[in-house]
Protein backbone atom coordinates (compact mmCIF):
# COMPACT_ATOMS: atom_id res chain seq x y z
CA MET A 1 16.04 -160.90 -137.94
CA LYS A 2 15.37 -162.25 -141.44
CA ASN A 3 17.63 -164.71 -143.20
CA VAL A 4 17.13 -162.99 -146.55
CA THR A 5 18.22 -159.62 -145.21
CA ASN A 6 21.03 -161.27 -143.22
CA ILE A 7 22.62 -162.31 -146.50
CA ARG A 8 22.77 -158.67 -147.56
CA LYS A 9 23.93 -157.49 -144.13
CA TYR A 10 26.81 -159.97 -143.92
CA LYS A 11 27.88 -159.17 -147.46
CA LEU A 12 28.55 -155.65 -146.20
CA LEU A 13 29.92 -156.84 -142.85
CA SER A 14 32.31 -159.50 -144.18
CA PRO A 15 35.28 -157.13 -144.78
CA LEU A 16 35.00 -155.86 -141.17
CA TYR A 17 34.05 -159.04 -139.35
CA ASP A 18 37.52 -160.21 -138.35
CA ALA A 19 38.39 -156.82 -136.93
CA LEU A 20 35.19 -156.83 -134.87
CA MET A 21 35.03 -160.45 -133.71
CA GLY A 22 38.55 -161.78 -134.23
CA ASN A 23 40.15 -159.82 -131.40
CA ARG A 24 41.99 -161.40 -128.47
CA MET A 25 39.02 -161.22 -126.09
CA PHE A 26 36.73 -163.20 -128.37
CA ARG A 27 39.51 -165.59 -129.39
CA ASN A 28 40.22 -166.38 -125.73
CA ALA A 29 36.51 -166.88 -125.09
CA ARG A 30 36.29 -169.28 -128.02
CA MET A 31 39.36 -171.17 -126.83
CA LYS A 32 37.79 -171.53 -123.37
CA ALA A 33 34.61 -172.86 -124.97
CA PHE A 34 36.51 -175.37 -127.10
CA SER A 35 38.45 -176.58 -124.06
CA LEU A 36 35.17 -178.02 -122.75
CA LEU A 37 34.96 -180.43 -125.67
CA ASP A 38 36.69 -183.78 -125.96
CA ILE A 39 37.26 -183.91 -129.72
CA LYS A 40 38.74 -187.29 -130.58
CA PRO A 41 40.82 -188.22 -133.64
CA ASN A 42 38.67 -188.38 -136.77
CA ASP A 43 35.63 -186.86 -135.07
CA ARG A 44 33.38 -185.03 -137.51
CA VAL A 45 32.86 -181.41 -136.44
CA LEU A 46 30.19 -179.15 -137.93
CA LEU A 47 30.60 -175.39 -137.62
CA VAL A 48 27.17 -173.85 -138.15
CA GLY A 49 27.56 -170.24 -139.23
CA VAL A 50 31.28 -170.66 -139.81
CA GLY A 51 31.52 -167.02 -140.86
CA THR A 52 35.04 -166.01 -141.83
CA GLY A 53 36.51 -169.17 -140.30
CA GLU A 54 37.81 -167.72 -137.03
CA ASP A 55 37.02 -170.95 -135.17
CA ILE A 56 38.76 -173.33 -137.55
CA PRO A 57 42.40 -172.75 -136.41
CA LEU A 58 41.29 -173.37 -132.82
CA LEU A 59 40.07 -176.91 -133.53
CA PRO A 60 42.33 -179.98 -133.27
CA SER A 61 44.15 -180.83 -136.50
CA HIS A 62 43.00 -184.45 -136.21
CA SER A 63 39.32 -183.55 -136.58
CA GLU A 64 37.30 -183.57 -139.80
CA ILE A 65 35.76 -180.10 -140.14
CA VAL A 66 32.72 -179.04 -142.14
CA GLY A 67 31.62 -175.41 -142.05
CA ILE A 68 28.36 -173.97 -143.36
CA ASP A 69 27.20 -170.40 -143.76
CA LEU A 70 24.37 -168.56 -145.48
CA SER A 71 26.68 -165.78 -146.68
CA PRO A 72 28.85 -166.48 -149.75
CA GLU A 73 31.04 -163.50 -148.88
CA MET A 74 31.78 -164.80 -145.38
CA LEU A 75 32.59 -168.24 -146.85
CA ASN A 76 35.00 -166.65 -149.33
CA LYS A 77 36.86 -165.08 -146.41
CA ALA A 78 36.90 -168.42 -144.58
CA ARG A 79 38.33 -170.28 -147.58
CA LYS A 80 41.46 -168.14 -147.44
CA LYS A 81 42.34 -169.49 -143.97
CA ALA A 82 40.65 -172.88 -143.90
CA SER A 83 42.15 -175.19 -146.50
CA ARG A 84 41.63 -178.21 -144.23
CA ALA A 85 37.87 -177.64 -143.85
CA VAL A 86 35.01 -178.41 -146.21
CA LEU A 87 32.97 -175.21 -146.56
CA MET A 88 29.41 -175.11 -147.90
CA ASN A 89 26.75 -172.49 -148.55
CA MET A 90 23.80 -173.69 -146.46
CA ASP A 91 20.96 -172.50 -144.22
CA ALA A 92 21.39 -173.34 -140.52
CA GLU A 93 17.63 -173.82 -140.28
CA ALA A 94 17.53 -176.41 -143.09
CA LEU A 95 20.71 -178.48 -143.05
CA THR A 96 21.01 -180.89 -145.97
CA PHE A 97 22.97 -183.51 -144.03
CA GLU A 98 21.57 -186.89 -143.03
CA ASN A 99 20.67 -187.57 -139.40
CA GLU A 100 23.39 -188.21 -136.80
CA GLN A 101 26.34 -187.34 -139.05
CA PHE A 102 28.48 -185.27 -136.66
CA ASP A 103 30.22 -185.95 -133.36
CA VAL A 104 30.36 -182.24 -132.48
CA VAL A 105 28.17 -179.37 -133.65
CA ILE A 106 29.35 -175.84 -132.88
CA LEU A 107 26.88 -172.94 -132.73
CA ASN A 108 29.13 -169.98 -132.07
CA LEU A 109 27.51 -166.56 -132.49
CA ILE A 110 24.73 -167.97 -134.65
CA LEU A 111 21.61 -168.38 -132.47
CA SER A 112 21.51 -164.59 -132.07
CA VAL A 113 21.68 -164.17 -135.86
CA VAL A 114 19.36 -166.68 -137.52
CA GLU A 115 15.70 -165.87 -138.11
CA ASN A 116 14.44 -168.90 -136.17
CA PRO A 117 16.99 -170.01 -133.55
CA GLU A 118 14.74 -172.87 -132.39
CA LYS A 119 14.88 -174.37 -135.88
CA ALA A 120 18.66 -173.98 -136.03
CA LEU A 121 19.05 -175.73 -132.68
CA SER A 122 16.66 -178.49 -133.76
CA GLU A 123 18.65 -179.05 -136.95
CA ALA A 124 21.89 -179.17 -134.95
CA ALA A 125 20.36 -181.84 -132.71
CA ARG A 126 19.11 -183.81 -135.72
CA VAL A 127 22.55 -184.14 -137.33
CA LEU A 128 24.30 -184.83 -133.99
CA ALA A 129 25.45 -188.37 -133.23
CA PRO A 130 23.75 -189.99 -130.21
CA ASP A 131 26.77 -189.51 -127.95
CA GLY A 132 27.86 -186.18 -129.48
CA SER A 133 28.02 -182.66 -128.07
CA ILE A 134 26.67 -179.28 -129.15
CA LEU A 135 28.68 -176.22 -128.15
CA VAL A 136 26.96 -172.84 -127.95
CA PHE A 137 28.81 -169.54 -127.46
CA ASP A 138 26.64 -166.48 -127.86
CA LYS A 139 25.04 -163.47 -126.19
CA PHE A 140 21.81 -164.05 -124.29
CA LEU A 141 19.61 -162.31 -121.77
CA ASP A 142 19.53 -164.06 -118.42
CA GLU A 143 16.44 -166.15 -117.69
CA ARG A 144 13.49 -163.93 -116.67
CA GLN A 145 15.57 -160.81 -117.31
CA GLU A 146 13.70 -158.11 -119.18
CA PRO A 147 15.68 -155.93 -121.59
CA THR A 148 16.20 -152.41 -120.30
CA ALA A 149 15.25 -149.40 -122.39
CA PRO A 150 18.91 -148.72 -123.35
CA ARG A 151 19.34 -152.39 -124.31
CA LYS A 152 16.22 -152.27 -126.48
CA LEU A 153 17.63 -149.19 -128.18
CA LEU A 154 21.00 -150.88 -128.66
CA ASN A 155 19.26 -153.96 -130.06
CA ALA A 156 17.61 -151.81 -132.71
CA VAL A 157 21.11 -150.88 -133.84
CA THR A 158 22.68 -154.36 -133.59
CA SER A 159 19.73 -155.87 -135.47
CA LEU A 160 20.55 -153.60 -138.38
CA ILE A 161 23.94 -155.30 -138.65
CA GLY A 162 22.55 -158.79 -138.19
CA THR A 163 22.43 -159.79 -134.51
CA ASP A 164 19.75 -159.82 -131.80
CA ILE A 165 21.07 -159.18 -128.27
CA ASN A 166 17.71 -159.74 -126.54
CA ARG A 167 17.20 -163.48 -127.02
CA ARG A 168 17.05 -165.87 -124.08
CA PHE A 169 18.66 -169.28 -124.31
CA ASP A 170 15.90 -170.76 -122.15
CA ASP A 171 13.30 -169.68 -124.71
CA ILE A 172 15.28 -171.23 -127.56
CA MET A 173 15.61 -174.49 -125.59
CA LYS A 174 11.94 -174.62 -124.55
CA GLU A 175 10.83 -177.22 -127.10
CA SER A 176 14.15 -179.07 -127.29
CA SER A 177 14.89 -182.45 -125.73
CA LEU A 178 18.58 -181.57 -125.46
CA LYS A 179 20.12 -181.49 -122.00
CA VAL A 180 22.46 -178.81 -120.68
CA GLU A 181 25.62 -180.60 -119.53
CA HIS A 182 27.58 -177.44 -118.75
CA GLN A 183 27.00 -173.70 -118.71
CA GLU A 184 29.06 -170.69 -117.71
CA SER A 185 29.21 -166.96 -118.20
CA SER A 186 31.77 -165.49 -120.54
CA VAL A 187 32.84 -162.08 -121.83
CA PHE A 188 31.15 -158.69 -121.36
CA ASN A 189 30.24 -159.36 -117.74
CA GLY A 190 28.45 -162.55 -118.60
CA SER A 191 26.36 -161.19 -121.46
CA TYR A 192 28.01 -163.90 -123.54
CA LYS A 193 27.49 -167.44 -122.32
CA ILE A 194 28.86 -170.91 -123.04
CA TYR A 195 26.70 -174.05 -123.11
CA VAL A 196 27.53 -177.70 -123.78
CA LEU A 197 24.47 -179.72 -124.77
CA LYS A 198 23.84 -183.45 -125.06
CA LYS A 199 21.02 -185.58 -126.41
């Protein structure tokens, strides 16, 4: 996965993204993930890899929402349904925000996309307030699970459209000081997982 090629891939994918990822199954999974957060009035929420803005309507109206994405085309789609959010073209691996600016950082379907997920997670931790939470919803291999031959073949296809299905969350967390407060399996027989992280 390369960030430069991801820009091109998501330019092509942006017209189809909502049909693929905005269905009821994924919306319910997102809603379940958000229910684990206690977002208070005036909390600052950062959506890393906001995409077409599917998560924004699911967040409390009293929160202050900032969304970033590397793809201008995805951001253009998000702007049509996200008038209450501030949307910015930015790299998840090199956020331009000051330290400890956000009460909640959401990493939905982004750690499987970025070139260096460890950097993206580190940046999320850097901009997170000391008592804040990071929410992760994404597809991961189970710890110590080796990808099967069919999964490796499928990953060759999914990588062409901008997502790696063979990453392990434990590997991404290896150098992080973040703590897992909550984890659970989600859609597709647990291939997708939900994590809540704290400093």
